[in-house]
PDB file of N, CA and C in Angstrom:
ATOM      1  N   MET A   1       0.829  -1.199   0.070  1.00  0.00           N
ATOM      2  CA  MET A   1       0.076  -0.008   0.059  1.00  0.00           C
ATOM      3  C   MET A   1       0.925   1.227  -0.018  1.00  0.00           C
ATOM      4  N   LYS A   2       1.993   1.127   0.659  1.00  0.00           N
ATOM      5  CA  LYS A   2       2.867   2.367   0.882  1.00  0.00           C
ATOM      6  C   LYS A   2       3.545   2.571  -0.596  1.00  0.00           C
ATOM      7  N   LEU A   3       3.830   1.568  -1.211  1.00  0.00           N
ATOM      8  CA  LEU A   3       4.484   1.690  -2.534  1.00  0.00           C
ATOM      9  C   LEU A   3       3.562   2.273  -3.485  1.00  0.00           C
ATOM     10  N   ALA A   4       2.200   1.847  -3.426  1.00  0.00           N
ATOM     11  CA  ALA A   4       1.248   2.626  -4.315  1.00  0.00           C
ATOM     12  C   ALA A   4       1.093   4.055  -4.174  1.00  0.00           C
ATOM     13  N   VAL A   5       1.223   4.328  -2.866  1.00  0.00           N
ATOM     14  CA  VAL A   5       1.172   5.895  -2.581  1.00  0.00           C
ATOM     15  C   VAL A   5       2.373   6.678  -3.188  1.00  0.00           C
ATOM     16  N   ILE A   6       3.621   6.023  -3.166  1.00  0.00           N
ATOM     17  CA  ILE A   6       4.786   6.519  -3.707  1.00  0.00           C
ATOM     18  C   ILE A   6       4.621   6.650  -5.236  1.00  0.00           C
ATOM     19  N   ILE A   7       4.126   5.523  -5.859  1.00  0.00           N
ATOM     20  CA  ILE A   7       4.006   5.617  -7.294  1.00  0.00           C
ATOM     21  C   ILE A   7       3.027   6.611  -7.740  1.00  0.00           C
ATOM     22  N   GLY A   8       1.942   6.747  -6.960  1.00  0.00           N
ATOM     23  CA  GLY A   8       0.821   7.736  -7.228  1.00  0.00           C
ATOM     24  C   GLY A   8       1.344   9.074  -7.246  1.00  0.00           C
ATOM     25  N   VAL A   9       2.210   9.407  -6.088  1.00  0.00           N
ATOM     26  CA  VAL A   9       2.728  10.736  -6.043  1.00  0.00           C
ATOM     27  C   VAL A   9       3.623  11.048  -7.205  1.00  0.00           C
ATOM     28  N   ILE A  10       4.389  10.147  -7.576  1.00  0.00           N
ATOM     29  CA  ILE A  10       5.317  10.337  -8.705  1.00  0.00           C
ATOM     30  C   ILE A  10       4.520  10.484 -10.051  1.00  0.00           C
ATOM     31  N   HIS A  11       3.408   9.729 -10.158  1.00  0.00           N
ATOM     32  CA  HIS A  11       2.562   9.875 -11.388  1.00  0.00           C
ATOM     33  C   HIS A  11       1.934  11.226 -11.391  1.00  0.00           C
ATOM     34  N   MET A  12       1.323  11.797 -10.247  1.00  0.00           N
ATOM     35  CA  MET A  12       0.774  12.994 -10.175  1.00  0.00           C
ATOM     36  C   MET A  12       1.788  14.202 -10.438  1.00  0.00           C
ATOM     37  N   THR A  13       2.973  13.978  -9.897  1.00  0.00           N
ATOM     38  CA  THR A  13       3.945  15.066 -10.194  1.00  0.00           C
ATOM     39  C   THR A  13       4.399  15.119 -11.651  1.00  0.00           C
ATOM     40  N   ILE A  14       4.524  13.939 -12.313  1.00  0.00           N
ATOM     41  CA  ILE A  14       4.884  13.954 -13.587  1.00  0.00           C
ATOM     42  C   ILE A  14       3.819  14.656 -14.460  1.00  0.00           C
ATOM     43  N   GLY A  15       2.492  14.402 -14.063  1.00  0.00           N
ATOM     44  CA  GLY A  15       1.333  15.057 -14.716  1.00  0.00           C
ATOM     45  C   GLY A  15       1.466  16.543 -14.580  1.00  0.00           C
ATOM     46  N   VAL A  16       1.669  17.063 -13.454  1.00  0.00           N
ATOM     47  CA  VAL A  16       1.732  18.499 -13.218  1.00  0.00           C
ATOM     48  C   VAL A  16       2.913  19.062 -13.944  1.00  0.00           C
ATOM     49  N   LEU A  17       4.066  18.368 -14.044  1.00  0.00           N
ATOM     50  CA  LEU A  17       5.181  18.832 -14.790  1.00  0.00           C
ATOM     51  C   LEU A  17       4.951  19.019 -16.263  1.00  0.00           C
ATOM     52  N   VAL A  18       4.077  18.007 -16.864  1.00  0.00           N
ATOM     53  CA  VAL A  18       3.765  17.963 -18.300  1.00  0.00           C
ATOM     54  C   VAL A  18       2.833  19.234 -18.541  1.00  0.00           C
ATOM     55  N   LYS A  19       1.879  19.365 -17.495  1.00  0.00           N
ATOM     56  CA  LYS A  19       1.011  20.595 -17.820  1.00  0.00           C
ATOM     57  C   LYS A  19       1.887  21.911 -17.553  1.00  0.00           C
ATOM     58  N   GLY A  20       3.043  21.918 -16.887  1.00  0.00           N
ATOM     59  CA  GLY A  20       4.008  22.972 -16.829  1.00  0.00           C
ATOM     60  C   GLY A  20       4.690  23.210 -18.159  1.00  0.00           C
ATOM     61  N   ALA A  21       5.097  22.036 -18.817  1.00  0.00           N
ATOM     62  CA  ALA A  21       5.695  22.085 -20.031  1.00  0.00           C
ATOM     63  C   ALA A  21       4.850  22.726 -21.093  1.00  0.00           C
ATOM     64  N   ASN A  22       3.479  22.331 -21.106  1.00  0.00           N
ATOM     65  CA  ASN A  22       2.456  22.754 -22.047  1.00  0.00           C
ATOM     66  C   ASN A  22       2.247  24.227 -21.861  1.00  0.00           C
ATOM     67  N   SER A  23       2.297  24.761 -20.523  1.00  0.00           N
ATOM     68  CA  SER A  23       2.080  26.090 -20.200  1.00  0.00           C
ATOM     69  C   SER A  23       3.246  26.975 -20.777  1.00  0.00           C
ATOM     70  N   LEU A  24       4.354  26.372 -20.669  1.00  0.00           N
ATOM     71  CA  LEU A  24       5.547  27.092 -21.331  1.00  0.00           C
ATOM     72  C   LEU A  24       5.494  27.158 -22.842  1.00  0.00           C
ATOM     73  N   TYR A  25       5.115  25.991 -23.532  1.00  0.00           N
ATOM     74  CA  TYR A  25       4.989  25.844 -24.870  1.00  0.00           C
ATOM     75  C   TYR A  25       4.027  26.823 -25.407  1.00  0.00           C
ATOM     76  N   PHE A  26       2.831  26.932 -24.769  1.00  0.00           N
ATOM     77  CA  PHE A  26       1.702  27.751 -25.342  1.00  0.00           C
ATOM     78  C   PHE A  26       1.690  29.121 -24.655  1.00  0.00           C
ATOM     79  N   ARG A  27       2.762  29.403 -23.909  1.00  0.00           N
ATOM     80  CA  ARG A  27       2.871  30.693 -23.346  1.00  0.00           C
ATOM     81  C   ARG A  27       1.865  31.130 -22.536  1.00  0.00           C
ATOM     82  N   LYS A  28       1.285  30.238 -21.605  1.00  0.00           N
ATOM     83  CA  LYS A  28       0.321  30.646 -20.634  1.00  0.00           C
ATOM     84  C   LYS A  28       0.924  30.813 -19.304  1.00  0.00           C
ATOM     85  N   ASN A  29       1.358  32.000 -19.138  1.00  0.00           N
ATOM     86  CA  ASN A  29       2.169  32.349 -17.911  1.00  0.00           C
ATOM     87  C   ASN A  29       1.249  32.184 -16.633  1.00  0.00           C
ATOM     88  N   LEU A  30       0.003  32.643 -16.683  1.00  0.00           N
ATOM     89  CA  LEU A  30      -0.809  32.484 -15.580  1.00  0.00           C
ATOM     90  C   LEU A  30      -1.079  31.143 -15.109  1.00  0.00           C
ATOM     91  N   ASP A  31      -1.276  30.317 -16.177  1.00  0.00           N
ATOM     92  CA  ASP A  31      -1.402  28.799 -15.812  1.00  0.00           C
ATOM     93  C   ASP A  31      -0.063  28.202 -15.184  1.00  0.00           C
ATOM     94  N   LEU A  32       1.048  28.658 -15.552  1.00  0.00           N
ATOM     95  CA  LEU A  32       2.209  28.182 -15.015  1.00  0.00           C
ATOM     96  C   LEU A  32       2.326  28.649 -13.610  1.00  0.00           C
ATOM     97  N   ILE A  33       2.118  29.880 -13.305  1.00  0.00           N
ATOM     98  CA  ILE A  33       2.206  30.497 -11.934  1.00  0.00           C
ATOM     99  C   ILE A  33       1.144  29.845 -10.997  1.00  0.00           C
ATOM    100  N   PHE A  34      -0.106  29.951 -11.401  1.00  0.00           N
ATOM    101  CA  PHE A  34      -1.217  29.761 -10.488  1.00  0.00           C
ATOM    102  C   PHE A  34      -1.696  28.228 -10.514  1.00  0.00           C
ATOM    103  N   GLU A  35      -1.366  27.536 -11.383  1.00  0.00           N
ATOM    104  CA  GLU A  35      -1.811  26.010 -11.449  1.00  0.00           C
ATOM    105  C   GLU A  35      -0.643  25.208 -11.263  1.00  0.00           C
ATOM    106  N   VAL A  36       0.512  25.441 -12.058  1.00  0.00           N
ATOM    107  CA  VAL A  36       1.591  24.361 -11.944  1.00  0.00           C
ATOM    108  C   VAL A  36       2.415  24.603 -10.790  1.00  0.00           C
ATOM    109  N   ILE A  37       2.890  25.858 -10.470  1.00  0.00           N
ATOM    110  CA  ILE A  37       3.768  26.003  -9.346  1.00  0.00           C
ATOM    111  C   ILE A  37       3.013  25.809  -8.100  1.00  0.00           C
ATOM    112  N   THR A  38       1.739  26.409  -7.836  1.00  0.00           N
ATOM    113  CA  THR A  38       1.128  26.212  -6.651  1.00  0.00           C
ATOM    114  C   THR A  38       0.692  24.737  -6.490  1.00  0.00           C
ATOM    115  N   GLY A  39       0.329  24.111  -7.583  1.00  0.00           N
ATOM    116  CA  GLY A  39       0.013  22.584  -7.577  1.00  0.00           C
ATOM    117  C   GLY A  39       1.200  21.799  -7.045  1.00  0.00           C
ATOM    118  N   LEU A  40       2.387  22.091  -7.477  1.00  0.00           N
ATOM    119  CA  LEU A  40       3.605  21.421  -7.083  1.00  0.00           C
ATOM    120  C   LEU A  40       3.867  21.689  -5.625  1.00  0.00           C
ATOM    121  N   VAL A  41       3.642  22.904  -5.148  1.00  0.00           N
ATOM    122  CA  VAL A  41       3.902  23.190  -3.745  1.00  0.00           C
ATOM    123  C   VAL A  41       3.072  22.426  -2.906  1.00  0.00           C
ATOM    124  N   ILE A  42       1.658  22.390  -3.197  1.00  0.00           N
ATOM    125  CA  ILE A  42       0.768  21.687  -2.419  1.00  0.00           C
ATOM    126  C   ILE A  42       0.894  20.245  -2.461  1.00  0.00           C
ATOM    127  N   LEU A  43       1.160  19.726  -3.607  1.00  0.00           N
ATOM    128  CA  LEU A  43       1.253  18.234  -3.889  1.00  0.00           C
ATOM    129  C   LEU A  43       2.550  17.704  -3.144  1.00  0.00           C
ATOM    130  N   LEU A  44       3.619  18.323  -3.351  1.00  0.00           N
ATOM    131  CA  LEU A  44       4.913  17.827  -2.758  1.00  0.00           C
ATOM    132  C   LEU A  44       5.054  18.297  -1.301  1.00  0.00           C
ATOM    133  N   GLY A  45       4.370  19.344  -0.976  1.00  0.00           N
ATOM    134  CA  GLY A  45       4.350  19.757   0.473  1.00  0.00           C
ATOM    135  C   GLY A  45       3.622  18.751   1.359  1.00  0.00           C
ATOM    136  N   MET A  46       2.508  18.249   0.884  1.00  0.00           N
ATOM    137  CA  MET A  46       1.725  17.345   1.632  1.00  0.00           C
ATOM    138  C   MET A  46       2.173  15.908   1.417  1.00  0.00           C
ATOM    139  N   PHE A  47       2.067  15.394   0.137  1.00  0.00           N
ATOM    140  CA  PHE A  47       2.260  14.073  -0.157  1.00  0.00           C
ATOM    141  C   PHE A  47       3.703  13.706  -0.409  1.00  0.00           C
ATOM    142  N   GLY A  48       4.499  14.685  -0.827  1.00  0.00           N
ATOM    143  CA  GLY A  48       6.009  14.488  -0.811  1.00  0.00           C
ATOM    144  C   GLY A  48       6.521  14.175   0.515  1.00  0.00           C
ATOM    145  N   TRP A  49       6.021  14.930   1.409  1.00  0.00           N
ATOM    146  CA  TRP A  49       6.447  14.773   2.942  1.00  0.00           C
ATOM    147  C   TRP A  49       6.072  13.366   3.359  1.00  0.00           C
ATOM    148  N   MET A  50       4.796  12.932   2.954  1.00  0.00           N
ATOM    149  CA  MET A  50       4.359  11.628   3.371  1.00  0.00           C
ATOM    150  C   MET A  50       5.313  10.597   2.803  1.00  0.00           C
ATOM    151  N   ASP A  51       5.746  10.743   1.491  1.00  0.00           N
ATOM    152  CA  ASP A  51       6.602   9.814   0.989  1.00  0.00           C
ATOM    153  C   ASP A  51       8.004   9.792   1.804  1.00  0.00           C
ATOM    154  N   ILE A  52       8.465  10.923   2.169  1.00  0.00           N
ATOM    155  CA  ILE A  52       9.754  11.008   2.929  1.00  0.00           C
ATOM    156  C   ILE A  52       9.475  10.293   4.198  1.00  0.00           C
ATOM    157  N   LEU A  53       8.350  10.404   4.911  1.00  0.00           N
ATOM    158  CA  LEU A  53       8.026   9.687   6.128  1.00  0.00           C
ATOM    159  C   LEU A  53       7.983   8.159   5.798  1.00  0.00           C
ATOM    160  N   ILE A  54       7.412   7.726   4.677  1.00  0.00           N
ATOM    161  CA  ILE A  54       7.465   6.327   4.373  1.00  0.00           C
ATOM    162  C   ILE A  54       8.728   5.736   4.226  1.00  0.00           C
ATOM    163  N   PHE A  55       9.712   6.430   3.483  1.00  0.00           N
ATOM    164  CA  PHE A  55      10.996   5.999   3.324  1.00  0.00           C
ATOM    165  C   PHE A  55      11.824   6.055   4.725  1.00  0.00           C
ATOM    166  N   SER A  56      11.674   7.051   5.479  1.00  0.00           N
ATOM    167  CA  SER A  56      12.263   6.899   6.837  1.00  0.00           C
ATOM    168  C   SER A  56      11.772   5.825   7.636  1.00  0.00           C
ATOM    169  N   LYS A  57      10.478   5.507   7.559  1.00  0.00           N
ATOM    170  CA  LYS A  57       9.942   4.348   8.385  1.00  0.00           C
ATOM    171  C   LYS A  57      10.536   3.048   7.838  1.00  0.00           C
ATOM    172  N   TRP A  58      10.751   2.987   6.509  1.00  0.00           N
ATOM    173  CA  TRP A  58      11.404   1.766   5.981  1.00  0.00           C
ATOM    174  C   TRP A  58      12.806   1.556   6.367  1.00  0.00           C
ATOM    175  N   THR A  59      13.564   2.723   6.622  1.00  0.00           N
ATOM    176  CA  THR A  59      14.973   2.541   6.821  1.00  0.00           C
ATOM    177  C   THR A  59      15.307   2.537   8.260  1.00  0.00           C
ATOM    178  N   TYR A  60      14.379   3.023   9.112  1.00  0.00           N
ATOM    179  CA  TYR A  60      14.617   3.159  10.522  1.00  0.00           C
ATOM    180  C   TYR A  60      14.496   1.703  11.185  1.00  0.00           C
ATOM    181  N   VAL A  61      15.457   1.308  11.924  1.00  0.00           N
ATOM    182  CA  VAL A  61      15.457  -0.101  12.488  1.00  0.00           C
ATOM    183  C   VAL A  61      14.661  -0.095  13.757  1.00  0.00           C
ATOM    184  N   MET A  62      13.601  -0.849  13.672  1.00  0.00           N
ATOM    185  CA  MET A  62      12.819  -1.111  15.059  1.00  0.00           C
ATOM    186  C   MET A  62      12.557  -2.641  15.054  1.00  0.00           C
ATOM    187  N   ASN A  63      13.057  -3.242  16.179  1.00  0.00           N
ATOM    188  CA  ASN A  63      12.896  -4.582  16.349  1.00  0.00           C
ATOM    189  C   ASN A  63      11.899  -4.821  17.479  1.00  0.00           C
ATOM    190  N   PRO A  64      10.659  -5.295  17.282  1.00  0.00           N
ATOM    191  CA  PRO A  64       9.640  -5.435  18.212  1.00  0.00           C
ATOM    192  C   PRO A  64       9.944  -6.679  19.137  1.00  0.00           C
ATOM    193  N   TYR A  65      10.911  -7.451  18.814  1.00  0.00           N
ATOM    194  CA  TYR A  65      11.364  -8.541  19.660  1.00  0.00           C
ATOM    195  C   TYR A  65      12.516  -8.260  20.533  1.00  0.00           C
ATOM    196  N   SER A  66      12.937  -7.067  20.586  1.00  0.00           N
ATOM    197  CA  SER A  66      14.180  -6.647  21.395  1.00  0.00           C
ATOM    198  C   SER A  66      13.718  -6.598  22.768  1.00  0.00           C
ATOM    199  N   ILE A  67      14.739  -6.986  23.605  1.00  0.00           N
ATOM    200  CA  ILE A  67      14.556  -6.982  25.021  1.00  0.00           C
ATOM    201  C   ILE A  67      15.072  -5.712  25.643  1.00  0.00           C
ATOM    202  N   ASP A  68      15.611  -4.836  24.797  1.00  0.00           N
ATOM    203  CA  ASP A  68      16.112  -3.405  25.244  1.00  0.00           C
ATOM    204  C   ASP A  68      14.797  -2.545  25.647  1.00  0.00           C
ATOM    205  N   PRO A  69      14.747  -2.084  26.886  1.00  0.00           N
ATOM    206  CA  PRO A  69      13.690  -1.314  27.184  1.00  0.00           C
ATOM    207  C   PRO A  69      13.482   0.040  26.455  1.00  0.00           C
ATOM    208  N   VAL A  70      14.728   0.586  26.102  1.00  0.00           N
ATOM    209  CA  VAL A  70      14.588   1.802  25.370  1.00  0.00           C
ATOM    210  C   VAL A  70      13.994   1.529  23.979  1.00  0.00           C
ATOM    211  N   MET A  71      14.293   0.441  23.429  1.00  0.00           N
ATOM    212  CA  MET A  71      13.696   0.092  21.999  1.00  0.00           C
ATOM    213  C   MET A  71      12.204  -0.145  22.185  1.00  0.00           C
ATOM    214  N   GLN A  72      11.783  -0.763  23.263  1.00  0.00           N
ATOM    215  CA  GLN A  72      10.359  -1.183  23.506  1.00  0.00           C
ATOM    216  C   GLN A  72       9.516   0.194  23.768  1.00  0.00           C
ATOM    217  N   GLU A  73      10.176   1.094  24.426  1.00  0.00           N
ATOM    218  CA  GLU A  73       9.457   2.407  24.603  1.00  0.00           C
ATOM    219  C   GLU A  73       9.386   3.192  23.413  1.00  0.00           C
ATOM    220  N   THR A  74      10.482   3.206  22.669  1.00  0.00           N
ATOM    221  CA  THR A  74      10.503   3.902  21.288  1.00  0.00           C
ATOM    222  C   THR A  74       9.355   3.316  20.418  1.00  0.00           C
ATOM    223  N   ILE A  75       9.300   1.910  20.270  1.00  0.00           N
ATOM    224  CA  ILE A  75       8.331   1.373  19.378  1.00  0.00           C
ATOM    225  C   ILE A  75       6.804   1.614  19.894  1.00  0.00           C
ATOM    226  N   SER A  76       6.633   1.600  21.216  1.00  0.00           N
ATOM    227  CA  SER A  76       5.286   1.832  21.793  1.00  0.00           C
ATOM    228  C   SER A  76       4.761   3.299  21.675  1.00  0.00           C
ATOM    229  N   THR A  77       5.672   4.227  21.634  1.00  0.00           N
ATOM    230  CA  THR A  77       5.310   5.653  21.482  1.00  0.00           C
ATOM    231  C   THR A  77       5.586   6.269  20.152  1.00  0.00           C
ATOM    232  N   ALA A  78       6.077   5.491  19.087  1.00  0.00           N
ATOM    233  CA  ALA A  78       6.260   6.015  17.827  1.00  0.00           C
ATOM    234  C   ALA A  78       4.987   6.453  17.171  1.00  0.00           C
ATOM    235  N   PRO A  79       4.828   7.667  16.598  1.00  0.00           N
ATOM    236  CA  PRO A  79       3.553   8.041  16.052  1.00  0.00           C
ATOM    237  C   PRO A  79       3.387   7.231  14.657  1.00  0.00           C
ATOM    238  N   SER A  80       2.226   6.945  14.067  1.00  0.00           N
ATOM    239  CA  SER A  80       2.036   6.492  12.809  1.00  0.00           C
ATOM    240  C   SER A  80       2.136   7.583  11.706  1.00  0.00           C
ATOM    241  N   ILE A  81       2.341   7.173  10.549  1.00  0.00           N
ATOM    242  CA  ILE A  81       2.339   8.244   9.403  1.00  0.00           C
ATOM    243  C   ILE A  81       1.084   9.016   9.367  1.00  0.00           C
ATOM    244  N   ILE A  82      -0.037   8.344   9.435  1.00  0.00           N
ATOM    245  CA  ILE A  82      -1.344   9.141   9.283  1.00  0.00           C
ATOM    246  C   ILE A  82      -1.538  10.142  10.451  1.00  0.00           C
ATOM    247  N   THR A  83      -0.982   9.736  11.693  1.00  0.00           N
ATOM    248  CA  THR A  83      -1.171  10.747  12.782  1.00  0.00           C
ATOM    249  C   THR A  83      -0.124  11.855  12.515  1.00  0.00           C
ATOM    250  N   VAL A  84       0.967  11.694  11.996  1.00  0.00           N
ATOM    251  CA  VAL A  84       1.790  12.857  11.677  1.00  0.00           C
ATOM    252  C   VAL A  84       1.256  13.690  10.641  1.00  0.00           C
ATOM    253  N   MET A  85       0.536  13.090   9.615  1.00  0.00           N
ATOM    254  CA  MET A  85      -0.046  13.913   8.555  1.00  0.00           C
ATOM    255  C   MET A  85      -1.094  14.774   9.114  1.00  0.00           C
ATOM    256  N   ILE A  86      -2.140  14.107   9.892  1.00  0.00           N
ATOM    257  CA  ILE A  86      -3.185  14.908  10.506  1.00  0.00           C
ATOM    258  C   ILE A  86      -2.784  15.967  11.376  1.00  0.00           C
ATOM    259  N   ASN A  87      -1.599  15.773  12.096  1.00  0.00           N
ATOM    260  CA  ASN A  87      -1.204  16.824  13.063  1.00  0.00           C
ATOM    261  C   ASN A  87      -0.408  18.067  12.194  1.00  0.00           C
ATOM    262  N   ASN A  88       0.098  17.653  10.994  1.00  0.00           N
ATOM    263  CA  ASN A  88       0.687  18.671  10.276  1.00  0.00           C
ATOM    264  C   ASN A  88      -0.464  19.608   9.645  1.00  0.00           C
ATOM    265  N   ILE A  89      -1.583  18.940   9.296  1.00  0.00           N
ATOM    266  CA  ILE A  89      -2.750  19.775   8.784  1.00  0.00           C
ATOM    267  C   ILE A  89      -3.542  20.541   9.876  1.00  0.00           C
ATOM    268  N   LEU A  90      -3.956  19.844  10.821  1.00  0.00           N
ATOM    269  CA  LEU A  90      -4.894  20.433  11.726  1.00  0.00           C
ATOM    270  C   LEU A  90      -4.184  21.090  12.997  1.00  0.00           C
ATOM    271  N   ALA A  91      -2.978  20.661  13.397  1.00  0.00           N
ATOM    272  CA  ALA A  91      -2.412  21.265  14.493  1.00  0.00           C
ATOM    273  C   ALA A  91      -1.171  22.012  14.163  1.00  0.00           C
ATOM    274  N   GLY A  92      -0.770  22.251  13.039  1.00  0.00           N
ATOM    275  CA  GLY A  92       0.396  23.097  12.514  1.00  0.00           C
ATOM    276  C   GLY A  92       1.606  22.342  12.811  1.00  0.00           C
ATOM    277  N   GLY A  93       1.617  20.963  12.892  1.00  0.00           N
ATOM    278  CA  GLY A  93       2.857  20.236  13.128  1.00  0.00           C
ATOM    279  C   GLY A  93       3.164  19.916  14.575  1.00  0.00           C
ATOM    280  N   TYR A  94       2.322  20.414  15.530  1.00  0.00           N
ATOM    281  CA  TYR A  94       2.653  20.142  16.972  1.00  0.00           C
ATOM    282  C   TYR A  94       2.334  18.761  17.236  1.00  0.00           C
ATOM    283  N   PRO A  95       3.199  17.829  17.664  1.00  0.00           N
ATOM    284  CA  PRO A  95       3.068  16.397  17.886  1.00  0.00           C
ATOM    285  C   PRO A  95       2.229  16.085  18.912  1.00  0.00           C
ATOM    286  N   GLY A  96       1.988  16.866  19.928  1.00  0.00           N
ATOM    287  CA  GLY A  96       1.168  16.377  21.180  1.00  0.00           C
ATOM    288  C   GLY A  96      -0.303  16.970  21.080  1.00  0.00           C
ATOM    289  N   ALA A  97      -0.655  17.383  19.932  1.00  0.00           N
ATOM    290  CA  ALA A  97      -2.081  18.061  19.944  1.00  0.00           C
ATOM    291  C   ALA A  97      -3.231  16.991  19.997  1.00  0.00           C
ATOM    292  N   ASN A  98      -3.184  15.879  19.496  1.00  0.00           N
ATOM    293  CA  ASN A  98      -4.053  14.738  19.534  1.00  0.00           C
ATOM    294  C   ASN A  98      -3.882  13.879  20.605  1.00  0.00           C
ATOM    295  N   SER A  99      -2.845  13.971  21.357  1.00  0.00           N
ATOM    296  CA  SER A  99      -2.586  12.976  22.425  1.00  0.00           C
ATOM    297  C   SER A  99      -3.379  13.217  23.724  1.00  0.00           C
TER     298      SER A  99
END
């Protein structure tokens, strides 16, 4: 499921970039500024950040079978990606807002 999100974001980004190339070719500067650039900022600001969170979750080592109490505490208090995304939108990025 996470890989599908990454592929979808890449696909949407390519679509916006093609729209930007068309805007440049047909000299529609207003479309370039107000649709392409703002679309990329919103798309990559929200879903690009989510892709970075997915990659960081894949690369961060968490062993649920560890007997180390620090590792167990880290695993039990680690926020999910969806919680981080909701807090970014609704709480301005403050991590303790929904706790």
